Amino acid sequence: MLEKNPTAIISVENVSLAYGAADGPNVLEEIDLKLHEGEFVCLLGPSGCGKSTLLKIIAGLIQPSAGSAVMDGIHITGPEWHRGVVFQQPPLYSWLSTRENVRFGLKMRKIPKAEGLKLADEYLDKVGLLQYAGHKPYELSGGMKQRVAIARALVNSPRVLLMDEPFGALDALTREEMQQLLRNIWRETGCTILFITHDVDEALSLGTRVLVMSRSPGRIIREFTTSFTCGITAESTGQARYSPAFLKLREEILGLINKQKLSSINNLN
């Protein structure tokens, strides 16, 4: 359960980002966002609205043209292990075993080998892949590779986990399994998660807060507080998704996103 007045870990204030030169058109405009301790925030919006760009700013992979992104009051100037990142295509090292891929970040942080191997196996066990610890990435399915990527991000015990459409390339059954895995990990670890998706059902069934962005230049135009994920189990997912409250909120969010798409089309005509 979230605290009544949770602490803000990440604060994004008045962030804008211009294409190319500083005087180019904005991809993001005047973004204000706070990520609080222990919450699961899902970010939705039409293609090209800057969702991934915003995540990369929070990750420290790119710098905004204006405004600031801070973590615990300190400006984010580059990547660091307190913010784990999982992308849609897991960038695993093909020459390393599953165990060594998970241990890689710990190795870079000079964590002793014995401790690193123990932690790697612990997190492989959490994602159900301990028996594949010696396998290479090419021997794994897409869903298994994504589990390795999640274990590699979590093994550093990050305070914030940033996920950019991590399940977008998976089939429907594997995607649902991965959603339940992530839900369980979030409940167990209390990690703060920012999750980007195009799927409204996925956002509502995972998030404690759902943010909707406008078409480019991206702005956050609506925020919804949700609680479906807190009661969902592997057996009750269908019940939640077909409940009147879920369907009503789903239609409202889809209406917002479709309105953005229509506005974009009309501007081209």
C-alpha atoms as a PDB file:
ATOM      1  CA  MET A   1       0.000   0.000   0.000  1.00  0.00           C
ATOM      2  CA  LEU A   2       1.142   3.565  -0.766  1.00  0.00           C
ATOM      3  CA  GLU A   3       1.642   6.082   2.024  1.00  0.00           C
ATOM      4  CA  LYS A   4      -0.923   8.867   2.384  1.00  0.00           C
ATOM      5  CA  ASN A   5       1.716  11.526   1.653  1.00  0.00           C
ATOM      6  CA  PRO A   6       4.439   9.680  -0.246  1.00  0.00           C
ATOM      7  CA  THR A   7       7.852  11.228  -0.779  1.00  0.00           C
ATOM      8  CA  ALA A   8       8.662  12.551  -4.253  1.00  0.00           C
ATOM      9  CA  ILE A   9      11.799  10.786  -5.487  1.00  0.00           C
ATOM     10  CA  ILE A  10      11.863  12.286  -8.990  1.00  0.00           C
ATOM     11  CA  SER A  11      10.760  15.829  -9.796  1.00  0.00           C
ATOM     12  CA  VAL A  12      10.523  17.028 -13.400  1.00  0.00           C
ATOM     13  CA  GLU A  13       9.892  20.767 -13.534  1.00  0.00           C
ATOM     14  CA  ASN A  14       8.969  22.808 -16.612  1.00  0.00           C
ATOM     15  CA  VAL A  15      10.941  20.487 -18.909  1.00  0.00           C
ATOM     16  CA  SER A  16      11.023  21.147 -22.651  1.00  0.00           C
ATOM     17  CA  LEU A  17      13.156  19.544 -25.328  1.00  0.00           C
ATOM     18  CA  ALA A  18      13.736  20.942 -28.809  1.00  0.00           C
ATOM     19  CA  TYR A  19      14.580  18.923 -31.923  1.00  0.00           C
ATOM     20  CA  GLY A  20      18.117  19.481 -33.202  1.00  0.00           C
ATOM     21  CA  ALA A  21      19.116  23.086 -32.572  1.00  0.00           C
ATOM     22  CA  ALA A  22      17.952  24.809 -29.410  1.00  0.00           C
ATOM     23  CA  ASP A  23      15.590  26.968 -31.457  1.00  0.00           C
ATOM     24  CA  GLY A  24      14.000  23.975 -33.267  1.00  0.00           C
ATOM     25  CA  PRO A  25      10.415  22.796 -32.655  1.00  0.00           C
ATOM     26  CA  ASN A  26       9.757  21.181 -29.280  1.00  0.00           C
ATOM     27  CA  VAL A  27       9.120  17.460 -28.868  1.00  0.00           C
ATOM     28  CA  LEU A  28       8.328  18.040 -25.173  1.00  0.00           C
ATOM     29  CA  GLU A  29       6.891  21.231 -23.745  1.00  0.00           C
ATOM     30  CA  GLU A  30       6.548  22.411 -20.133  1.00  0.00           C
ATOM     31  CA  ILE A  31       6.404  18.972 -18.510  1.00  0.00           C
ATOM     32  CA  ASP A  32       5.825  18.854 -14.762  1.00  0.00           C
ATOM     33  CA  LEU A  33       5.893  15.425 -13.147  1.00  0.00           C
ATOM     34  CA  LYS A  34       6.601  13.931  -9.742  1.00  0.00           C
ATOM     35  CA  LEU A  35       7.285  10.245  -9.105  1.00  0.00           C
ATOM     36  CA  HIS A  36       6.542   9.287  -5.519  1.00  0.00           C
ATOM     37  CA  GLU A  37       8.006   6.561  -3.358  1.00  0.00           C
ATOM     38  CA  GLY A  38       6.456   3.175  -4.122  1.00  0.00           C
ATOM     39  CA  GLU A  39       4.003   4.173  -6.852  1.00  0.00           C
ATOM     40  CA  PHE A  40       3.525   2.599 -10.285  1.00  0.00           C
ATOM     41  CA  VAL A  41       3.028   5.314 -12.911  1.00  0.00           C
ATOM     42  CA  CYS A  42       1.967   4.418 -16.452  1.00  0.00           C
ATOM     43  CA  LEU A  43       2.474   6.922 -19.270  1.00  0.00           C
ATOM     44  CA  LEU A  44       0.180   6.848 -22.315  1.00  0.00           C
ATOM     45  CA  GLY A  45      -0.080   8.975 -25.440  1.00  0.00           C
ATOM     46  CA  PRO A  46      -0.150   8.943 -29.247  1.00  0.00           C
ATOM     47  CA  SER A  47       2.957   7.862 -31.167  1.00  0.00           C
ATOM     48  CA  GLY A  48       5.576  10.570 -31.406  1.00  0.00           C
ATOM     49  CA  CYS A  49       4.344  12.535 -28.384  1.00  0.00           C
ATOM     50  CA  GLY A  50       7.668  12.228 -26.558  1.00  0.00           C
ATOM     51  CA  LYS A  51       6.960   9.476 -23.990  1.00  0.00           C
ATOM     52  CA  SER A  52      10.289   7.734 -24.551  1.00  0.00           C
ATOM     53  CA  THR A  53      12.107  11.071 -24.683  1.00  0.00           C
ATOM     54  CA  LEU A  54      10.741  11.978 -21.255  1.00  0.00           C
ATOM     55  CA  LEU A  55      11.853   8.624 -19.863  1.00  0.00           C
ATOM     56  CA  LYS A  56      15.355   9.148 -21.279  1.00  0.00           C
ATOM     57  CA  ILE A  57      15.566  12.563 -19.611  1.00  0.00           C
ATOM     58  CA  ILE A  58      14.652  10.984 -16.257  1.00  0.00           C
ATOM     59  CA  ALA A  59      17.156   8.185 -16.912  1.00  0.00           C
ATOM     60  CA  GLY A  60      19.867  10.786 -17.554  1.00  0.00           C
ATOM     61  CA  LEU A  61      20.465   9.620 -21.135  1.00  0.00           C
ATOM     62  CA  ILE A  62      19.635  13.049 -22.623  1.00  0.00           C
ATOM     63  CA  GLN A  63      19.444  16.567 -21.200  1.00  0.00           C
ATOM     64  CA  PRO A  64      16.393  18.843 -21.588  1.00  0.00           C
ATOM     65  CA  SER A  65      16.592  22.129 -23.494  1.00  0.00           C
ATOM     66  CA  ALA A  66      14.833  23.873 -20.612  1.00  0.00           C
ATOM     67  CA  GLY A  67      13.668  22.997 -17.114  1.00  0.00           C
ATOM     68  CA  SER A  68      15.137  20.386 -14.802  1.00  0.00           C
ATOM     69  CA  ALA A  69      14.893  16.766 -13.698  1.00  0.00           C
ATOM     70  CA  VAL A  70      16.093  15.976 -10.191  1.00  0.00           C
ATOM     71  CA  MET A  71      16.281  12.897  -7.990  1.00  0.00           C
ATOM     72  CA  ASP A  72      16.231  13.473  -4.238  1.00  0.00           C
ATOM     73  CA  GLY A  73      16.931  17.139  -4.891  1.00  0.00           C
ATOM     74  CA  ILE A  74      20.032  16.470  -7.017  1.00  0.00           C
ATOM     75  CA  HIS A  75      20.019  17.327 -10.727  1.00  0.00           C
ATOM     76  CA  ILE A  76      20.085  14.310 -13.036  1.00  0.00           C
ATOM     77  CA  THR A  77      23.127  14.727 -15.288  1.00  0.00           C
ATOM     78  CA  GLY A  78      23.683  11.146 -16.458  1.00  0.00           C
ATOM     79  CA  PRO A  79      22.707   7.495 -15.965  1.00  0.00           C
ATOM     80  CA  GLU A  80      23.262   5.882 -12.579  1.00  0.00           C
ATOM     81  CA  TRP A  81      22.363   2.628 -10.887  1.00  0.00           C
ATOM     82  CA  HIS A  82      19.663   4.079  -8.614  1.00  0.00           C
ATOM     83  CA  ARG A  83      17.563   4.389 -11.797  1.00  0.00           C
ATOM     84  CA  GLY A  84      17.231   1.056 -13.595  1.00  0.00           C
ATOM     85  CA  VAL A  85      16.114   1.083 -17.239  1.00  0.00           C
ATOM     86  CA  VAL A  86      14.375  -1.657 -19.252  1.00  0.00           C
ATOM     87  CA  PHE A  87      13.747  -1.136 -22.979  1.00  0.00           C
ATOM     88  CA  GLN A  88      11.458  -2.965 -25.424  1.00  0.00           C
ATOM     89  CA  GLN A  89      14.424  -4.779 -26.969  1.00  0.00           C
ATOM     90  CA  PRO A  90      16.603  -6.011 -24.095  1.00  0.00           C
ATOM     91  CA  PRO A  91      20.251  -5.146 -24.957  1.00  0.00           C
ATOM     92  CA  LEU A  92      21.770  -8.343 -23.582  1.00  0.00           C
ATOM     93  CA  TYR A  93      25.399  -9.259 -24.299  1.00  0.00           C
ATOM     94  CA  SER A  94      25.313 -12.287 -26.600  1.00  0.00           C
ATOM     95  CA  TRP A  95      28.701 -13.611 -25.462  1.00  0.00           C
ATOM     96  CA  LEU A  96      27.719 -13.648 -21.776  1.00  0.00           C
ATOM     97  CA  SER A  97      25.587 -16.194 -19.966  1.00  0.00           C
ATOM     98  CA  THR A  98      22.256 -15.222 -18.456  1.00  0.00           C
ATOM     99  CA  ARG A  99      23.899 -15.109 -15.013  1.00  0.00           C
ATOM    100  CA  GLU A 100      26.758 -12.896 -16.232  1.00  0.00           C
ATOM    101  CA  ASN A 101      24.332 -10.555 -18.018  1.00  0.00           C
ATOM    102  CA  VAL A 102      22.474 -10.046 -14.749  1.00  0.00           C
ATOM    103  CA  ARG A 103      25.758  -9.580 -12.836  1.00  0.00           C
ATOM    104  CA  PHE A 104      27.189  -7.101 -15.347  1.00  0.00           C
ATOM    105  CA  GLY A 105      26.096  -3.911 -13.535  1.00  0.00           C
ATOM    106  CA  LEU A 106      27.336  -5.263 -10.209  1.00  0.00           C
ATOM    107  CA  LYS A 107      30.690  -6.036 -11.825  1.00  0.00           C
ATOM    108  CA  MET A 108      30.946  -2.443 -13.112  1.00  0.00           C
ATOM    109  CA  ARG A 109      30.234  -1.245  -9.550  1.00  0.00           C
ATOM    110  CA  LYS A 110      33.117  -3.426  -8.252  1.00  0.00           C
ATOM    111  CA  ILE A 111      30.817  -5.645  -6.181  1.00  0.00           C
ATOM    112  CA  PRO A 112      32.856  -8.723  -5.140  1.00  0.00           C
ATOM    113  CA  LYS A 113      32.364 -11.643  -7.531  1.00  0.00           C
ATOM    114  CA  ALA A 114      30.964 -14.099  -4.968  1.00  0.00           C
ATOM    115  CA  GLU A 115      28.420 -11.549  -3.770  1.00  0.00           C
ATOM    116  CA  GLY A 116      27.539 -10.601  -7.353  1.00  0.00           C
ATOM    117  CA  LEU A 117      26.957 -14.200  -8.388  1.00  0.00           C
ATOM    118  CA  LYS A 118      24.775 -14.807  -5.336  1.00  0.00           C
ATOM    119  CA  LEU A 119      22.687 -11.716  -6.101  1.00  0.00           C
ATOM    120  CA  ALA A 120      22.427 -12.634  -9.796  1.00  0.00           C
ATOM    121  CA  ASP A 121      21.085 -16.075  -8.923  1.00  0.00           C
ATOM    122  CA  GLU A 122      18.689 -14.571  -6.375  1.00  0.00           C
ATOM    123  CA  TYR A 123      17.143 -12.293  -9.009  1.00  0.00           C
ATOM    124  CA  LEU A 124      17.112 -14.961 -11.693  1.00  0.00           C
ATOM    125  CA  ASP A 125      15.126 -17.030  -9.214  1.00  0.00           C
ATOM    126  CA  LYS A 126      12.702 -14.106  -8.688  1.00  0.00           C
ATOM    127  CA  VAL A 127      11.977 -13.986 -12.434  1.00  0.00           C
ATOM    128  CA  GLY A 128      11.782 -17.780 -12.728  1.00  0.00           C
ATOM    129  CA  LEU A 129      14.956 -18.300 -14.760  1.00  0.00           C
ATOM    130  CA  LEU A 130      17.483 -19.741 -12.335  1.00  0.00           C
ATOM    131  CA  GLN A 131      17.567 -22.996 -14.295  1.00  0.00           C
ATOM    132  CA  TYR A 132      18.676 -20.996 -17.355  1.00  0.00           C
ATOM    133  CA  ALA A 133      21.553 -19.234 -15.578  1.00  0.00           C
ATOM    134  CA  GLY A 134      24.159 -20.842 -17.857  1.00  0.00           C
ATOM    135  CA  HIS A 135      22.298 -20.221 -21.132  1.00  0.00           C
ATOM    136  CA  LYS A 136      23.262 -17.566 -23.672  1.00  0.00           C
ATOM    137  CA  PRO A 137      20.676 -14.968 -24.802  1.00  0.00           C
ATOM    138  CA  TYR A 138      20.214 -16.624 -28.213  1.00  0.00           C
ATOM    139  CA  GLU A 139      18.966 -19.738 -26.421  1.00  0.00           C
ATOM    140  CA  LEU A 140      16.124 -17.810 -24.758  1.00  0.00           C
ATOM    141  CA  SER A 141      12.665 -16.782 -25.976  1.00  0.00           C
ATOM    142  CA  GLY A 142      11.644 -13.130 -26.205  1.00  0.00           C
ATOM    143  CA  GLY A 143       9.799 -13.274 -22.897  1.00  0.00           C
ATOM    144  CA  MET A 144      12.741 -14.946 -21.186  1.00  0.00           C
ATOM    145  CA  LYS A 145      15.135 -12.278 -22.486  1.00  0.00           C
ATOM    146  CA  GLN A 146      12.882  -9.598 -21.045  1.00  0.00           C
ATOM    147  CA  ARG A 147      12.873 -11.394 -17.697  1.00  0.00           C
ATOM    148  CA  VAL A 148      16.683 -11.320 -17.773  1.00  0.00           C
ATOM    149  CA  ALA A 149      16.608  -7.585 -18.543  1.00  0.00           C
ATOM    150  CA  ILE A 150      14.267  -6.990 -15.576  1.00  0.00           C
ATOM    151  CA  ALA A 151      16.493  -9.080 -13.286  1.00  0.00           C
ATOM    152  CA  ARG A 152      19.562  -7.148 -14.486  1.00  0.00           C
ATOM    153  CA  ALA A 153      17.858  -3.833 -13.681  1.00  0.00           C
ATOM    154  CA  LEU A 154      16.553  -4.998 -10.284  1.00  0.00           C
ATOM    155  CA  VAL A 155      19.745  -6.679  -9.056  1.00  0.00           C
ATOM    156  CA  ASN A 156      21.199  -3.229  -8.318  1.00  0.00           C
ATOM    157  CA  SER A 157      18.228  -2.501  -6.009  1.00  0.00           C
ATOM    158  CA  PRO A 158      17.312   0.718  -7.845  1.00  0.00           C
ATOM    159  CA  ARG A 159      14.889   3.106  -6.184  1.00  0.00           C
ATOM    160  CA  VAL A 160      13.278   3.843  -9.548  1.00  0.00           C
ATOM    161  CA  LEU A 161      12.652   1.435 -12.439  1.00  0.00           C
ATOM    162  CA  LEU A 162      12.083   3.073 -15.851  1.00  0.00           C
ATOM    163  CA  MET A 163      10.436   0.816 -18.442  1.00  0.00           C
ATOM    164  CA  ASP A 164       9.951   1.805 -22.086  1.00  0.00           C
ATOM    165  CA  GLU A 165       7.262  -0.461 -23.615  1.00  0.00           C
ATOM    166  CA  PRO A 166       9.037  -3.539 -22.251  1.00  0.00           C
ATOM    167  CA  PHE A 167       6.293  -5.978 -23.275  1.00  0.00           C
ATOM    168  CA  GLY A 168       5.360  -4.417 -26.620  1.00  0.00           C
ATOM    169  CA  ALA A 169       7.015  -7.110 -28.757  1.00  0.00           C
ATOM    170  CA  LEU A 170       5.623 -10.094 -26.819  1.00  0.00           C
ATOM    171  CA  ASP A 171       2.638 -12.277 -27.689  1.00  0.00           C
ATOM    172  CA  ALA A 172      -0.558 -11.773 -25.689  1.00  0.00           C
ATOM    173  CA  LEU A 173      -0.123 -14.753 -23.343  1.00  0.00           C
ATOM    174  CA  THR A 174       3.521 -13.997 -22.560  1.00  0.00           C
ATOM    175  CA  ARG A 175       2.657 -10.330 -22.100  1.00  0.00           C
ATOM    176  CA  GLU A 176       0.031 -11.153 -19.478  1.00  0.00           C
ATOM    177  CA  GLU A 177       2.482 -13.431 -17.663  1.00  0.00           C
ATOM    178  CA  MET A 178       5.082 -10.646 -17.669  1.00  0.00           C
ATOM    179  CA  GLN A 179       2.563  -8.137 -16.344  1.00  0.00           C
ATOM    180  CA  GLN A 180       1.784 -10.431 -13.415  1.00  0.00           C
ATOM    181  CA  LEU A 181       5.498 -10.977 -12.794  1.00  0.00           C
ATOM    182  CA  LEU A 182       6.117  -7.218 -12.745  1.00  0.00           C
ATOM    183  CA  ARG A 183       3.116  -6.651 -10.474  1.00  0.00           C
ATOM    184  CA  ASN A 184       4.471  -9.223  -8.022  1.00  0.00           C
ATOM    185  CA  ILE A 185       7.972  -7.708  -8.107  1.00  0.00           C
ATOM    186  CA  TRP A 186       6.575  -4.210  -7.510  1.00  0.00           C
ATOM    187  CA  ARG A 187       4.552  -5.412  -4.532  1.00  0.00           C
ATOM    188  CA  GLU A 188       7.537  -7.288  -3.096  1.00  0.00           C
ATOM    189  CA  THR A 189      10.252  -4.654  -3.600  1.00  0.00           C
ATOM    190  CA  GLY A 190       8.308  -1.394  -3.224  1.00  0.00           C
ATOM    191  CA  CYS A 191      10.309   0.003  -6.137  1.00  0.00           C
ATOM    192  CA  THR A 192       8.934   3.129  -7.832  1.00  0.00           C
ATOM    193  CA  ILE A 193       8.092   2.363 -11.481  1.00  0.00           C
ATOM    194  CA  LEU A 194       7.552   4.578 -14.525  1.00  0.00           C
ATOM    195  CA  PHE A 195       6.124   2.406 -17.305  1.00  0.00           C
ATOM    196  CA  ILE A 196       5.520   3.559 -20.887  1.00  0.00           C
ATOM    197  CA  THR A 197       2.913   1.726 -22.946  1.00  0.00           C
ATOM    198  CA  HIS A 198       0.544   2.197 -25.898  1.00  0.00           C
ATOM    199  CA  ASP A 199      -1.920  -0.260 -24.344  1.00  0.00           C
ATOM    200  CA  VAL A 200      -4.651   1.348 -22.221  1.00  0.00           C
ATOM    201  CA  ASP A 201      -5.654  -2.011 -20.688  1.00  0.00           C
ATOM    202  CA  GLU A 202      -2.041  -2.630 -19.682  1.00  0.00           C
ATOM    203  CA  ALA A 203      -1.745   0.820 -18.106  1.00  0.00           C
ATOM    204  CA  LEU A 204      -4.952   0.433 -16.088  1.00  0.00           C
ATOM    205  CA  SER A 205      -4.138  -3.090 -14.927  1.00  0.00           C
ATOM    206  CA  LEU A 206      -0.630  -2.131 -13.759  1.00  0.00           C
ATOM    207  CA  GLY A 207      -0.583   1.511 -12.713  1.00  0.00           C
ATOM    208  CA  THR A 208      -1.548   3.255  -9.514  1.00  0.00           C
ATOM    209  CA  ARG A 209      -1.482   6.454 -11.566  1.00  0.00           C
ATOM    210  CA  VAL A 210      -2.029   6.828 -15.321  1.00  0.00           C
ATOM    211  CA  LEU A 211      -0.811   9.926 -17.175  1.00  0.00           C
ATOM    212  CA  VAL A 212      -2.005  10.833 -20.675  1.00  0.00           C
ATOM    213  CA  MET A 213       0.160  12.951 -22.974  1.00  0.00           C
ATOM    214  CA  SER A 214      -0.908  15.168 -25.855  1.00  0.00           C
ATOM    215  CA  ARG A 215       0.344  14.838 -29.400  1.00  0.00           C
ATOM    216  CA  SER A 216       3.679  16.532 -30.179  1.00  0.00           C
ATOM    217  CA  PRO A 217       4.816  18.755 -28.617  1.00  0.00           C
ATOM    218  CA  GLY A 218       4.097  16.420 -25.732  1.00  0.00           C
ATOM    219  CA  ARG A 219       2.425  17.733 -22.605  1.00  0.00           C
ATOM    220  CA  ILE A 220       0.745  15.861 -19.753  1.00  0.00           C
ATOM    221  CA  ILE A 221      -2.936  16.654 -20.235  1.00  0.00           C
ATOM    222  CA  ARG A 222      -4.710  14.317 -17.774  1.00  0.00           C
ATOM    223  CA  GLU A 223      -3.924  12.268 -14.716  1.00  0.00           C
ATOM    224  CA  PHE A 224      -5.967   9.348 -13.364  1.00  0.00           C
ATOM    225  CA  THR A 225      -5.507   7.654  -9.998  1.00  0.00           C
ATOM    226  CA  THR A 226      -6.263   3.927 -10.228  1.00  0.00           C
ATOM    227  CA  SER A 227      -6.310   0.945  -7.874  1.00  0.00           C
ATOM    228  CA  PHE A 228      -7.036  -2.057 -10.108  1.00  0.00           C
ATOM    229  CA  THR A 229      -3.493  -3.435  -9.854  1.00  0.00           C
ATOM    230  CA  CYS A 230      -3.672  -3.626  -6.047  1.00  0.00           C
ATOM    231  CA  GLY A 231      -6.372  -6.309  -6.187  1.00  0.00           C
ATOM    232  CA  ILE A 232      -5.361  -8.214  -9.320  1.00  0.00           C
ATOM    233  CA  THR A 233      -3.982 -11.740  -9.074  1.00  0.00           C
ATOM    234  CA  ALA A 234      -3.128 -14.171 -11.864  1.00  0.00           C
ATOM    235  CA  GLU A 235      -6.624 -15.623 -11.486  1.00  0.00           C
ATOM    236  CA  SER A 236      -8.576 -12.345 -11.276  1.00  0.00           C
ATOM    237  CA  THR A 237      -7.134 -10.296 -14.153  1.00  0.00           C
ATOM    238  CA  GLY A 238     -10.184 -10.884 -16.354  1.00  0.00           C
ATOM    239  CA  GLN A 239     -12.610  -9.886 -13.603  1.00  0.00           C
ATOM    240  CA  ALA A 240     -10.846  -6.533 -13.130  1.00  0.00           C
ATOM    241  CA  ARG A 241     -10.634  -5.770 -16.854  1.00  0.00           C
ATOM    242  CA  TYR A 242     -14.351  -6.379 -17.418  1.00  0.00           C
ATOM    243  CA  SER A 243     -15.556  -4.507 -14.360  1.00  0.00           C
ATOM    244  CA  PRO A 244     -17.757  -1.434 -15.042  1.00  0.00           C
ATOM    245  CA  ALA A 245     -15.246   0.908 -13.366  1.00  0.00           C
ATOM    246  CA  PHE A 246     -12.361  -0.403 -15.504  1.00  0.00           C
ATOM    247  CA  LEU A 247     -14.344  -0.177 -18.757  1.00  0.00           C
ATOM    248  CA  LYS A 248     -15.575   3.335 -17.990  1.00  0.00           C
ATOM    249  CA  LEU A 249     -12.057   4.619 -17.319  1.00  0.00           C
ATOM    250  CA  ARG A 250     -10.745   2.777 -20.372  1.00  0.00           C
ATOM    251  CA  GLU A 251     -13.260   4.523 -22.639  1.00  0.00           C
ATOM    252  CA  GLU A 252     -12.453   7.919 -21.156  1.00  0.00           C
ATOM    253  CA  ILE A 253      -8.703   7.474 -21.750  1.00  0.00           C
ATOM    254  CA  LEU A 254      -9.205   6.080 -25.262  1.00  0.00           C
ATOM    255  CA  GLY A 255     -11.384   9.092 -26.041  1.00  0.00           C
ATOM    256  CA  LEU A 256      -8.610  11.447 -24.951  1.00  0.00           C
ATOM    257  CA  ILE A 257      -5.979   9.658 -27.038  1.00  0.00           C
ATOM    258  CA  ASN A 258      -8.220   9.402 -30.120  1.00  0.00           C
ATOM    259  CA  LYS A 259      -8.988  13.106 -29.826  1.00  0.00           C
ATOM    260  CA  GLN A 260      -5.263  13.810 -29.975  1.00  0.00           C
ATOM    261  CA  LYS A 261      -4.900  11.622 -33.074  1.00  0.00           C
ATOM    262  CA  LEU A 262      -7.831  13.318 -34.844  1.00  0.00           C
ATOM    263  CA  SER A 263      -6.400  16.734 -34.027  1.00  0.00           C
ATOM    264  CA  SER A 264      -3.103  15.697 -35.589  1.00  0.00           C
ATOM    265  CA  ILE A 265      -4.814  14.433 -38.763  1.00  0.00           C
ATOM    266  CA  ASN A 266      -6.914  17.595 -39.086  1.00  0.00           C
ATOM    267  CA  ASN A 267      -3.806  19.744 -38.840  1.00  0.00           C
ATOM    268  CA  LEU A 268      -2.304  17.871 -41.795  1.00  0.00           C
ATOM    269  CA  ASN A 269      -5.342  18.533 -43.997  1.00  0.00           C
END
